[in-house]
C-alpha cells in the first residue's frame, strides 16, 4: 500500500511538472495546443494527488476515472484543433 502511494505521488508530481513545461511553451508562443496540454496534465496531476490523499470506498472508485476522461478528451481536442485548417 505504501509503495503504491509513493508511485502515485511521483506520477502526480511529474504530471504537474509536465503541466508547467507546457504552460511555459504556451506563454512563449500563445499556441492553444500547449494551453490544452498544460490544462490536461494539471488536471491529471491534481486528480492523482486527490486519489492518493483520499482513499475512496470501492463504490466510488469509477468516479475517479472522470478526470482521466477529461484529460484524454483535452489531449484529443488539442491534436484535432492543431491539425484542422
Protein backbone atom coordinates (compact mmCIF):
# COMPACT_ATOMS: atom_id res chain seq x y z
CA UNK A 1 0.00 0.00 0.00
CA UNK A 2 2.80 2.45 0.85
CA UNK A 3 4.69 1.67 -2.36
CA UNK A 4 1.55 2.37 -4.40
CA UNK A 5 1.09 5.74 -2.69
CA UNK A 6 4.71 6.66 -3.40
CA UNK A 7 4.35 5.78 -7.08
CA UNK A 8 1.06 7.66 -7.33
CA UNK A 9 2.67 10.71 -5.76
CA UNK A 10 5.62 10.50 -8.15
CA UNK A 11 3.34 10.28 -11.19
CA UNK A 12 1.27 13.19 -9.87
CA UNK A 13 4.38 15.31 -9.36
CA UNK A 14 5.66 14.51 -12.84
CA UNK A 15 2.27 15.35 -14.35
CA UNK A 16 2.38 18.74 -12.65
CA UNK A 17 5.94 19.29 -13.91
CA UNK A 18 4.75 18.45 -17.44
CA UNK A 19 1.91 20.95 -16.98
CA UNK A 20 4.43 23.66 -16.08
CA UNK A 21 6.56 22.66 -19.07
CA UNK A 22 3.65 23.07 -21.50
CA UNK A 23 2.49 26.22 -19.74
CA UNK A 24 5.92 27.77 -20.38
CA UNK A 25 5.68 26.96 -24.08
CA UNK A 26 2.14 28.36 -24.21
CA UNK A 27 3.38 31.54 -22.53
CA UNK A 28 6.10 31.96 -25.19
CA UNK A 29 4.10 31.02 -28.30
CA UNK A 30 0.48 31.68 -27.41
CA UNK A 31 -0.47 28.40 -29.13
CA UNK A 32 -3.70 26.87 -27.84
CA UNK A 33 -2.20 23.38 -28.30
CA UNK A 34 0.21 23.96 -25.41
CA UNK A 35 -2.51 25.53 -23.29
CA UNK A 36 -4.76 22.48 -23.63
CA UNK A 37 -1.89 20.10 -22.89
CA UNK A 38 -0.95 22.12 -19.79
CA UNK A 39 -4.55 22.00 -18.60
CA UNK A 40 -4.77 18.26 -19.26
CA UNK A 41 -1.61 17.47 -17.31
CA UNK A 42 -2.64 19.79 -14.46
CA UNK A 43 -5.99 18.02 -14.14
CA UNK A 44 -4.25 14.64 -14.26
CA UNK A 45 -1.72 15.59 -11.59
CA UNK A 46 -4.28 17.11 -9.25
CA UNK A 47 -6.67 14.18 -9.60
CA UNK A 48 -3.88 11.71 -8.81
CA UNK A 49 -2.93 13.73 -5.73
CA UNK A 50 -6.52 13.72 -4.54
CA UNK A 51 -6.84 9.98 -5.18
CA UNK A 52 -3.65 9.33 -3.21
CA UNK A 53 -4.73 11.55 -0.32
CA UNK A 54 -8.34 10.38 -0.08
CA UNK A 55 -8.91 6.67 -0.16
CA UNK A 56 -12.33 6.29 -1.73
CA UNK A 57 -14.58 3.34 -0.96
CA UNK A 58 -14.97 0.77 -3.73
CA UNK A 59 -18.41 2.01 -4.80
CA UNK A 60 -16.97 5.45 -5.63
CA UNK A 61 -13.91 4.18 -7.48
CA UNK A 62 -15.41 4.56 -11.01
CA UNK A 63 -15.82 8.30 -10.36
CA UNK A 64 -12.06 8.62 -10.06
CA UNK A 65 -11.81 7.94 -13.80
CA UNK A 66 -13.83 11.02 -14.77
CA UNK A 67 -10.81 13.38 -14.55
CA UNK A 68 -8.85 10.98 -16.77
CA UNK A 69 -11.68 11.09 -19.30
CA UNK A 70 -11.49 14.89 -19.25
CA UNK A 71 -7.70 14.75 -19.54
CA UNK A 72 -7.67 12.47 -22.58
CA UNK A 73 -10.52 14.43 -24.17
CA UNK A 74 -8.47 17.62 -23.85
CA UNK A 75 -5.45 15.94 -25.44
CA UNK A 76 -7.57 14.66 -28.34
CA UNK A 77 -9.14 18.11 -28.77
CA UNK A 78 -5.70 19.74 -28.80
CA UNK A 79 -4.43 17.42 -31.52
CA UNK A 80 -7.58 17.78 -33.63
CA UNK A 81 -7.59 21.59 -33.32
CA UNK A 82 -3.89 21.75 -34.19
CA UNK A 83 -4.34 19.69 -37.36
CA UNK A 84 -7.54 21.39 -38.51
CA UNK A 85 -7.09 24.13 -41.08
